[in-house]
Amino acid sequence: MNTVTHGDADEMWNSMASTIRDVSKETIGVTVGLSRGHKSSRESWWISDEVQTKFALKQPRFRELITCQDGTCDNRTRAEERYKEAKREAKKVVARAKDKAYENLYRKLDSKEGTNDIYRIAKASECKRRDIDNIKFIKDEAGQTIVKEEEIRKRWEG
């Protein structure tokens, strides 16, 4: 703020906002992708240590391939093959980990303790399939606010 002493409020605001963004990017960093709370975020309850190590090996191969596409690498085909191999290995490990996790889940659901989990999973999947999941209220023909779920469904049907 000491450097900005003159100008209108918009200039001062933009200068301060860009400074704050730059400092926060340097300090915290920047993430790419979906947030954890986002509905289409991937499920990760089955991820094991082996999966994480394979992905840790795959990431540098991908970075190497990207730098080769920029023209800074001499052997692009070798980098591409190394990345494809790492990708294949990661897919195999993911498939094995998912199979193992689902096997354990099914074994647990077949037991006596797992009967309540069946209902919990069914309820969660039913909630995911709803079209009007995020709608909390809607107005009817007369302009009155409807908040009950059954009445909202009837209004959508109409």
N, C-alpha and C. Protein backbone atom coordinates (compact mmCIF):
# COMPACT_ATOMS: atom_id res chain seq x y z
N MET A 1 0.82 -1.20 0.00
CA MET A 1 0.00 0.00 0.00
C MET A 1 0.86 1.25 0.00
N ASN A 2 2.08 1.16 0.50
CA ASN A 2 2.94 2.34 0.54
C ASN A 2 3.30 2.82 -0.86
N THR A 3 3.36 1.91 -1.84
CA THR A 3 3.75 2.32 -3.18
C THR A 3 2.61 3.01 -3.91
N VAL A 4 1.39 2.74 -3.54
CA VAL A 4 0.24 3.35 -4.20
C VAL A 4 -0.20 4.55 -3.38
N THR A 5 0.10 5.74 -3.88
CA THR A 5 -0.26 6.95 -3.14
C THR A 5 -1.20 7.85 -3.91
N HIS A 6 -1.30 7.62 -5.21
CA HIS A 6 -2.19 8.46 -5.99
C HIS A 6 -3.04 7.61 -6.94
N GLY A 7 -4.01 8.21 -7.56
CA GLY A 7 -4.89 7.49 -8.47
C GLY A 7 -6.26 7.31 -7.87
N ASP A 8 -7.15 6.83 -8.67
CA ASP A 8 -8.50 6.65 -8.17
C ASP A 8 -8.63 5.34 -7.40
N ALA A 9 -9.78 5.12 -6.85
CA ALA A 9 -10.00 3.95 -6.00
C ALA A 9 -9.87 2.65 -6.78
N ASP A 10 -10.32 2.64 -8.04
CA ASP A 10 -10.23 1.42 -8.84
C ASP A 10 -8.78 1.00 -9.06
N GLU A 11 -7.91 1.96 -9.35
CA GLU A 11 -6.49 1.63 -9.54
C GLU A 11 -5.88 1.08 -8.27
N MET A 12 -6.19 1.73 -7.15
CA MET A 12 -5.66 1.26 -5.87
C MET A 12 -6.17 -0.14 -5.55
N TRP A 13 -7.46 -0.37 -5.79
CA TRP A 13 -8.04 -1.68 -5.52
C TRP A 13 -7.41 -2.76 -6.38
N ASN A 14 -7.29 -2.50 -7.68
CA ASN A 14 -6.70 -3.48 -8.58
C ASN A 14 -5.25 -3.77 -8.24
N SER A 15 -4.51 -2.75 -7.87
CA SER A 15 -3.11 -2.94 -7.49
C SER A 15 -3.00 -3.79 -6.23
N MET A 16 -3.81 -3.49 -5.25
CA MET A 16 -3.77 -4.23 -4.00
C MET A 16 -4.23 -5.68 -4.23
N ALA A 17 -5.29 -5.88 -5.02
CA ALA A 17 -5.80 -7.23 -5.27
C ALA A 17 -4.77 -8.08 -6.00
N SER A 18 -4.10 -7.52 -7.01
CA SER A 18 -3.09 -8.29 -7.74
C SER A 18 -1.90 -8.61 -6.86
N THR A 19 -1.52 -7.70 -5.98
CA THR A 19 -0.42 -7.97 -5.05
C THR A 19 -0.78 -9.10 -4.10
N ILE A 20 -1.99 -9.08 -3.58
CA ILE A 20 -2.43 -10.13 -2.66
C ILE A 20 -2.47 -11.47 -3.38
N ARG A 21 -2.98 -11.51 -4.61
CA ARG A 21 -3.02 -12.76 -5.37
C ARG A 21 -1.62 -13.30 -5.64
N ASP A 22 -0.69 -12.40 -6.03
CA ASP A 22 0.67 -12.85 -6.32
C ASP A 22 1.35 -13.42 -5.07
N VAL A 23 1.21 -12.73 -3.96
CA VAL A 23 1.83 -13.20 -2.72
C VAL A 23 1.21 -14.52 -2.27
N SER A 24 -0.11 -14.65 -2.40
CA SER A 24 -0.74 -15.90 -1.98
C SER A 24 -0.33 -17.05 -2.90
N LYS A 25 -0.16 -16.80 -4.20
CA LYS A 25 0.31 -17.86 -5.10
C LYS A 25 1.71 -18.31 -4.74
N GLU A 26 2.57 -17.35 -4.39
CA GLU A 26 3.94 -17.70 -4.00
C GLU A 26 3.96 -18.46 -2.68
N THR A 27 3.11 -18.06 -1.75
CA THR A 27 3.12 -18.65 -0.42
C THR A 27 2.41 -20.00 -0.38
N ILE A 28 1.18 -20.03 -0.88
CA ILE A 28 0.34 -21.22 -0.77
C ILE A 28 0.49 -22.13 -1.97
N GLY A 29 0.57 -21.56 -3.15
CA GLY A 29 0.62 -22.35 -4.37
C GLY A 29 -0.74 -22.36 -5.03
N VAL A 30 -0.81 -23.04 -6.15
CA VAL A 30 -2.04 -23.10 -6.93
C VAL A 30 -2.39 -24.55 -7.18
N THR A 31 -3.65 -24.90 -7.02
CA THR A 31 -4.10 -26.25 -7.32
C THR A 31 -4.90 -26.24 -8.61
N VAL A 32 -4.91 -27.37 -9.28
CA VAL A 32 -5.65 -27.51 -10.52
C VAL A 32 -6.60 -28.68 -10.37
N GLY A 33 -7.82 -28.53 -10.83
CA GLY A 33 -8.78 -29.63 -10.76
C GLY A 33 -9.96 -29.28 -9.91
N LEU A 34 -10.70 -30.29 -9.54
CA LEU A 34 -11.93 -30.12 -8.79
C LEU A 34 -11.65 -30.14 -7.30
N SER A 35 -12.48 -29.43 -6.57
CA SER A 35 -12.34 -29.45 -5.13
C SER A 35 -12.89 -30.75 -4.57
N ARG A 36 -12.57 -31.05 -3.34
CA ARG A 36 -13.04 -32.29 -2.73
C ARG A 36 -14.55 -32.29 -2.56
N GLY A 37 -15.12 -31.13 -2.33
CA GLY A 37 -16.55 -31.04 -2.12
C GLY A 37 -17.35 -31.09 -3.40
N HIS A 38 -16.70 -30.99 -4.52
CA HIS A 38 -17.40 -30.98 -5.80
C HIS A 38 -18.04 -32.34 -6.06
N LYS A 39 -19.24 -32.34 -6.64
CA LYS A 39 -19.98 -33.58 -6.80
C LYS A 39 -19.31 -34.58 -7.71
N SER A 40 -18.58 -34.12 -8.70
CA SER A 40 -17.97 -35.07 -9.62
C SER A 40 -16.54 -35.43 -9.23
N SER A 41 -16.17 -35.11 -8.00
CA SER A 41 -14.84 -35.50 -7.56
C SER A 41 -14.76 -37.02 -7.47
N ARG A 42 -13.60 -37.55 -7.71
CA ARG A 42 -13.43 -38.99 -7.78
C ARG A 42 -13.45 -39.62 -6.40
N GLU A 43 -13.92 -40.84 -6.37
CA GLU A 43 -13.91 -41.58 -5.12
C GLU A 43 -12.50 -42.07 -4.84
N SER A 44 -12.12 -42.08 -3.59
CA SER A 44 -10.73 -42.45 -3.29
C SER A 44 -10.63 -43.39 -2.11
N TRP A 45 -11.70 -44.03 -1.71
CA TRP A 45 -11.64 -44.89 -0.54
C TRP A 45 -10.85 -46.16 -0.81
N TRP A 46 -10.61 -46.49 -2.04
CA TRP A 46 -9.91 -47.72 -2.40
C TRP A 46 -8.43 -47.50 -2.66
N ILE A 47 -7.95 -46.27 -2.63
CA ILE A 47 -6.55 -45.97 -2.97
C ILE A 47 -5.62 -46.51 -1.89
N SER A 48 -4.61 -47.24 -2.33
CA SER A 48 -3.64 -47.84 -1.40
C SER A 48 -2.27 -47.18 -1.59
N ASP A 49 -1.32 -47.61 -0.78
CA ASP A 49 0.04 -47.08 -0.88
C ASP A 49 0.68 -47.43 -2.22
N GLU A 50 0.38 -48.63 -2.72
CA GLU A 50 0.95 -49.06 -4.00
C GLU A 50 0.45 -48.17 -5.14
N VAL A 51 -0.83 -47.80 -5.09
CA VAL A 51 -1.40 -46.91 -6.11
C VAL A 51 -0.71 -45.55 -6.05
N GLN A 52 -0.52 -45.05 -4.86
CA GLN A 52 0.12 -43.74 -4.71
C GLN A 52 1.56 -43.75 -5.22
N THR A 53 2.29 -44.83 -4.98
CA THR A 53 3.67 -44.88 -5.46
C THR A 53 3.72 -44.95 -6.99
N LYS A 54 2.78 -45.70 -7.59
CA LYS A 54 2.76 -45.77 -9.06
C LYS A 54 2.42 -44.42 -9.67
N PHE A 55 1.51 -43.70 -9.05
CA PHE A 55 1.19 -42.37 -9.56
C PHE A 55 2.34 -41.39 -9.32
N ALA A 56 3.07 -41.60 -8.23
CA ALA A 56 4.24 -40.75 -7.98
C ALA A 56 5.32 -41.01 -9.03
N LEU A 57 5.39 -42.22 -9.57
CA LEU A 57 6.34 -42.51 -10.64
C LEU A 57 5.83 -42.01 -12.00
N LYS A 58 4.53 -41.98 -12.16
CA LYS A 58 3.94 -41.58 -13.43
C LYS A 58 4.05 -40.07 -13.66
N GLN A 59 3.91 -39.29 -12.61
CA GLN A 59 3.92 -37.84 -12.76
C GLN A 59 5.20 -37.28 -13.35
N PRO A 60 6.39 -37.70 -12.90
CA PRO A 60 7.60 -37.18 -13.54
C PRO A 60 7.74 -37.59 -15.00
N ARG A 61 7.24 -38.77 -15.33
CA ARG A 61 7.26 -39.21 -16.73
C ARG A 61 6.38 -38.29 -17.59
N PHE A 62 5.25 -37.89 -17.04
CA PHE A 62 4.37 -36.99 -17.77
C PHE A 62 5.03 -35.61 -17.93
N ARG A 63 5.65 -35.13 -16.88
CA ARG A 63 6.36 -33.83 -16.98
C ARG A 63 7.47 -33.90 -18.02
N GLU A 64 8.19 -35.01 -18.04
CA GLU A 64 9.25 -35.21 -19.02
C GLU A 64 8.68 -35.18 -20.44
N LEU A 65 7.55 -35.83 -20.64
CA LEU A 65 6.91 -35.84 -21.95
C LEU A 65 6.47 -34.44 -22.36
N ILE A 66 5.94 -33.68 -21.44
CA ILE A 66 5.49 -32.31 -21.73
C ILE A 66 6.67 -31.43 -22.12
N THR A 67 7.78 -31.57 -21.42
CA THR A 67 8.96 -30.76 -21.79
C THR A 67 9.50 -31.16 -23.15
N CYS A 68 9.35 -32.43 -23.51
CA CYS A 68 9.80 -32.87 -24.84
C CYS A 68 8.91 -32.30 -25.93
N GLN A 69 7.64 -32.09 -25.64
CA GLN A 69 6.74 -31.51 -26.63
C GLN A 69 7.05 -30.05 -26.88
N ASP A 70 7.65 -29.40 -25.90
CA ASP A 70 8.05 -28.00 -26.07
C ASP A 70 9.27 -27.87 -26.97
N GLY A 71 9.93 -28.96 -27.24
CA GLY A 71 11.10 -28.95 -28.11
C GLY A 71 12.42 -28.88 -27.37
N THR A 72 12.40 -29.02 -26.04
CA THR A 72 13.63 -28.94 -25.26
C THR A 72 14.26 -30.31 -25.02
N CYS A 73 13.63 -31.36 -25.54
CA CYS A 73 14.13 -32.72 -25.32
C CYS A 73 14.54 -33.33 -26.65
N ASP A 74 15.62 -34.09 -26.63
CA ASP A 74 16.11 -34.69 -27.87
C ASP A 74 15.36 -35.98 -28.23
N ASN A 75 15.03 -36.77 -27.24
CA ASN A 75 14.46 -38.08 -27.50
C ASN A 75 12.99 -38.12 -27.07
N ARG A 76 12.12 -37.57 -27.91
CA ARG A 76 10.69 -37.48 -27.59
C ARG A 76 10.03 -38.85 -27.58
N THR A 77 10.38 -39.73 -28.51
CA THR A 77 9.75 -41.05 -28.57
C THR A 77 10.08 -41.88 -27.34
N ARG A 78 11.31 -41.75 -26.84
CA ARG A 78 11.68 -42.48 -25.63
C ARG A 78 10.88 -41.97 -24.44
N ALA A 79 10.71 -40.67 -24.33
CA ALA A 79 9.93 -40.10 -23.24
C ALA A 79 8.46 -40.53 -23.34
N GLU A 80 7.95 -40.60 -24.55
CA GLU A 80 6.57 -41.02 -24.75
C GLU A 80 6.38 -42.48 -24.34
N GLU A 81 7.31 -43.33 -24.70
CA GLU A 81 7.23 -44.74 -24.34
C GLU A 81 7.33 -44.93 -22.82
N ARG A 82 8.22 -44.17 -22.19
CA ARG A 82 8.36 -44.27 -20.73
C ARG A 82 7.07 -43.85 -20.04
N TYR A 83 6.42 -42.80 -20.55
CA TYR A 83 5.17 -42.34 -19.97
C TYR A 83 4.06 -43.38 -20.18
N LYS A 84 3.98 -43.93 -21.39
CA LYS A 84 2.94 -44.93 -21.67
C LYS A 84 3.10 -46.15 -20.78
N GLU A 85 4.34 -46.57 -20.56
CA GLU A 85 4.59 -47.72 -19.69
C GLU A 85 4.18 -47.41 -18.25
N ALA A 86 4.52 -46.23 -17.77
CA ALA A 86 4.14 -45.84 -16.41
C ALA A 86 2.62 -45.75 -16.29
N LYS A 87 1.98 -45.27 -17.33
CA LYS A 87 0.52 -45.16 -17.34
C LYS A 87 -0.12 -46.54 -17.31
N ARG A 88 0.40 -47.48 -18.09
CA ARG A 88 -0.12 -48.85 -18.10
C ARG A 88 0.01 -49.50 -16.72
N GLU A 89 1.19 -49.34 -16.13
CA GLU A 89 1.42 -49.91 -14.80
C GLU A 89 0.47 -49.30 -13.77
N ALA A 90 0.25 -48.00 -13.85
CA ALA A 90 -0.66 -47.35 -12.90
C ALA A 90 -2.08 -47.87 -13.08
N LYS A 91 -2.51 -48.07 -14.32
CA LYS A 91 -3.85 -48.59 -14.57
C LYS A 91 -4.01 -50.00 -14.00
N LYS A 92 -2.98 -50.82 -14.16
CA LYS A 92 -3.04 -52.19 -13.64
C LYS A 92 -3.16 -52.18 -12.11
N VAL A 93 -2.35 -51.33 -11.48
CA VAL A 93 -2.37 -51.26 -10.02
C VAL A 93 -3.72 -50.74 -9.53
N VAL A 94 -4.29 -49.76 -10.23
CA VAL A 94 -5.60 -49.23 -9.85
C VAL A 94 -6.65 -50.32 -9.96
N ALA A 95 -6.63 -51.09 -11.04
CA ALA A 95 -7.61 -52.16 -11.22
C ALA A 95 -7.49 -53.20 -10.11
N ARG A 96 -6.25 -53.58 -9.77
CA ARG A 96 -6.07 -54.56 -8.69
C ARG A 96 -6.54 -54.00 -7.35
N ALA A 97 -6.22 -52.74 -7.09
CA ALA A 97 -6.62 -52.14 -5.81
C ALA A 97 -8.14 -52.03 -5.70
N LYS A 98 -8.79 -51.63 -6.81
CA LYS A 98 -10.26 -51.55 -6.79
C LYS A 98 -10.88 -52.92 -6.59
N ASP A 99 -10.37 -53.92 -7.29
CA ASP A 99 -10.90 -55.28 -7.13
C ASP A 99 -10.79 -55.74 -5.68
N LYS A 100 -9.63 -55.52 -5.09
CA LYS A 100 -9.40 -55.94 -3.72
C LYS A 100 -10.32 -55.19 -2.76
N ALA A 101 -10.47 -53.88 -2.97
CA ALA A 101 -11.31 -53.08 -2.08
C ALA A 101 -12.78 -53.48 -2.20
N TYR A 102 -13.23 -53.71 -3.42
CA TYR A 102 -14.62 -54.13 -3.60
C TYR A 102 -14.86 -55.54 -3.05
N GLU A 103 -13.88 -56.41 -3.19
CA GLU A 103 -14.00 -57.74 -2.60
C GLU A 103 -14.19 -57.65 -1.10
N ASN A 104 -13.35 -56.82 -0.45
CA ASN A 104 -13.47 -56.64 0.99
C ASN A 104 -14.81 -56.03 1.37
N LEU A 105 -15.28 -55.07 0.55
CA LEU A 105 -16.57 -54.43 0.82
C LEU A 105 -17.70 -55.45 0.72
N TYR A 106 -17.70 -56.27 -0.33
CA TYR A 106 -18.75 -57.26 -0.50
C TYR A 106 -18.71 -58.31 0.62
N ARG A 107 -17.51 -58.68 1.03
CA ARG A 107 -17.38 -59.63 2.13
C ARG A 107 -17.95 -59.03 3.41
N LYS A 108 -17.69 -57.75 3.62
CA LYS A 108 -18.20 -57.07 4.81
C LYS A 108 -19.72 -56.95 4.74
N LEU A 109 -20.26 -56.65 3.57
CA LEU A 109 -21.71 -56.51 3.43
C LEU A 109 -22.44 -57.83 3.62
N ASP A 110 -21.77 -58.93 3.32
CA ASP A 110 -22.39 -60.25 3.51
C ASP A 110 -22.42 -60.66 4.98
N SER A 111 -21.63 -60.00 5.80
CA SER A 111 -21.61 -60.36 7.21
C SER A 111 -22.80 -59.72 7.94
N LYS A 112 -22.94 -60.07 9.20
CA LYS A 112 -24.06 -59.56 9.99
C LYS A 112 -23.92 -58.06 10.28
N GLU A 113 -22.68 -57.61 10.46
CA GLU A 113 -22.45 -56.19 10.75
C GLU A 113 -22.70 -55.30 9.53
N GLY A 114 -22.61 -55.89 8.34
CA GLY A 114 -22.72 -55.11 7.12
C GLY A 114 -24.14 -54.82 6.66
N THR A 115 -25.13 -55.36 7.37
CA THR A 115 -26.52 -55.15 6.92
C THR A 115 -26.91 -53.68 6.98
N ASN A 116 -26.47 -52.95 7.98
CA ASN A 116 -26.78 -51.52 8.07
C ASN A 116 -26.04 -50.73 6.99
N ASP A 117 -24.86 -51.18 6.62
CA ASP A 117 -24.11 -50.49 5.58
C ASP A 117 -24.80 -50.58 4.22
N ILE A 118 -25.53 -51.68 3.98
CA ILE A 118 -26.26 -51.80 2.72
C ILE A 118 -27.27 -50.68 2.59
N TYR A 119 -27.98 -50.38 3.66
CA TYR A 119 -28.98 -49.32 3.62
C TYR A 119 -28.32 -47.95 3.46
N ARG A 120 -27.19 -47.77 4.11
CA ARG A 120 -26.48 -46.50 3.99
C ARG A 120 -26.01 -46.27 2.55
N ILE A 121 -25.49 -47.30 1.91
CA ILE A 121 -25.02 -47.20 0.52
C ILE A 121 -26.19 -46.96 -0.42
N ALA A 122 -27.30 -47.66 -0.18
CA ALA A 122 -28.49 -47.47 -1.03
C ALA A 122 -29.03 -46.04 -0.91
N LYS A 123 -29.04 -45.51 0.29
CA LYS A 123 -29.52 -44.14 0.50
C LYS A 123 -28.61 -43.14 -0.19
N ALA A 124 -27.30 -43.36 -0.10
CA ALA A 124 -26.35 -42.45 -0.75
C ALA A 124 -26.49 -42.48 -2.26
N SER A 125 -26.67 -43.66 -2.83
CA SER A 125 -26.80 -43.75 -4.29
C SER A 125 -28.12 -43.15 -4.74
N GLU A 126 -29.18 -43.27 -3.95
CA GLU A 126 -30.46 -42.67 -4.30
C GLU A 126 -30.35 -41.15 -4.29
N CYS A 127 -29.62 -40.61 -3.34
CA CYS A 127 -29.44 -39.15 -3.27
C CYS A 127 -28.64 -38.64 -4.46
N LYS A 128 -27.69 -39.43 -4.95
CA LYS A 128 -26.88 -39.02 -6.10
C LYS A 128 -27.70 -38.98 -7.38
N ARG A 129 -28.72 -39.86 -7.48
CA ARG A 129 -29.50 -39.95 -8.70
C ARG A 129 -30.57 -38.87 -8.81
N ARG A 130 -30.85 -38.16 -7.78
CA ARG A 130 -31.90 -37.15 -7.82
C ARG A 130 -31.55 -36.02 -8.77
N ASP A 131 -32.53 -35.59 -9.54
CA ASP A 131 -32.33 -34.45 -10.44
C ASP A 131 -32.42 -33.13 -9.70
N ILE A 132 -33.27 -33.09 -8.72
CA ILE A 132 -33.52 -31.83 -8.03
C ILE A 132 -32.82 -31.81 -6.68
N ASP A 133 -31.65 -32.33 -6.64
CA ASP A 133 -30.91 -32.47 -5.39
C ASP A 133 -30.60 -31.13 -4.73
N ASN A 134 -30.25 -30.14 -5.52
CA ASN A 134 -29.81 -28.87 -4.95
C ASN A 134 -30.93 -27.86 -4.77
N ILE A 135 -32.12 -28.17 -5.22
CA ILE A 135 -33.22 -27.22 -5.13
C ILE A 135 -33.83 -27.30 -3.73
N LYS A 136 -33.84 -26.17 -3.05
CA LYS A 136 -34.39 -26.13 -1.70
C LYS A 136 -35.79 -25.52 -1.69
N PHE A 137 -36.11 -24.69 -2.68
CA PHE A 137 -37.43 -24.10 -2.76
C PHE A 137 -37.73 -23.75 -4.21
N ILE A 138 -39.02 -23.62 -4.52
CA ILE A 138 -39.48 -23.28 -5.85
C ILE A 138 -40.83 -22.59 -5.69
N LYS A 139 -41.26 -21.83 -6.69
CA LYS A 139 -42.54 -21.14 -6.61
C LYS A 139 -43.59 -21.85 -7.43
N ASP A 140 -44.82 -21.84 -6.94
CA ASP A 140 -45.92 -22.46 -7.68
C ASP A 140 -46.55 -21.45 -8.63
N GLU A 141 -47.71 -21.84 -9.25
CA GLU A 141 -48.35 -20.97 -10.23
C GLU A 141 -48.77 -19.63 -9.65
N ALA A 142 -49.13 -19.64 -8.39
CA ALA A 142 -49.60 -18.42 -7.73
C ALA A 142 -48.46 -17.56 -7.20
N GLY A 143 -47.24 -18.05 -7.32
CA GLY A 143 -46.08 -17.29 -6.84
C GLY A 143 -45.72 -17.59 -5.40
N GLN A 144 -46.38 -18.57 -4.79
CA GLN A 144 -46.09 -18.96 -3.42
C GLN A 144 -44.86 -19.86 -3.39
N THR A 145 -44.04 -19.71 -2.39
CA THR A 145 -42.82 -20.51 -2.26
C THR A 145 -43.16 -21.89 -1.72
N ILE A 146 -42.63 -22.92 -2.39
CA ILE A 146 -42.82 -24.30 -1.96
C ILE A 146 -41.48 -24.81 -1.44
N VAL A 147 -41.48 -25.40 -0.24
CA VAL A 147 -40.23 -25.89 0.33
C VAL A 147 -40.26 -27.39 0.60
N LYS A 148 -41.43 -28.00 0.59
CA LYS A 148 -41.51 -29.45 0.85
C LYS A 148 -41.12 -30.22 -0.41
N GLU A 149 -40.36 -31.27 -0.22
CA GLU A 149 -39.80 -32.02 -1.33
C GLU A 149 -40.87 -32.64 -2.23
N GLU A 150 -41.93 -33.18 -1.63
CA GLU A 150 -42.99 -33.79 -2.42
C GLU A 150 -43.71 -32.75 -3.28
N GLU A 151 -43.96 -31.58 -2.70
CA GLU A 151 -44.64 -30.52 -3.46
C GLU A 151 -43.75 -29.99 -4.57
N ILE A 152 -42.44 -29.94 -4.33
CA ILE A 152 -41.51 -29.52 -5.38
C ILE A 152 -41.53 -30.51 -6.54
N ARG A 153 -41.55 -31.79 -6.23
CA ARG A 153 -41.62 -32.81 -7.28
C ARG A 153 -42.90 -32.69 -8.10
N LYS A 154 -44.03 -32.47 -7.40
CA LYS A 154 -45.30 -32.31 -8.11
C LYS A 154 -45.26 -31.08 -9.01
N ARG A 155 -44.64 -30.02 -8.55
CA ARG A 155 -44.54 -28.79 -9.37
C ARG A 155 -43.69 -29.06 -10.62
N TRP A 156 -42.59 -29.79 -10.46
CA TRP A 156 -41.76 -30.12 -11.61
C TRP A 156 -42.50 -31.03 -12.58
N GLU A 157 -43.28 -31.95 -12.04
CA GLU A 157 -44.08 -32.82 -12.92
C GLU A 157 -45.09 -32.01 -13.72
N GLY A 158 -45.68 -31.01 -13.07
CA GLY A 158 -46.66 -30.16 -13.73
C GLY A 158 -46.01 -29.28 -14.77
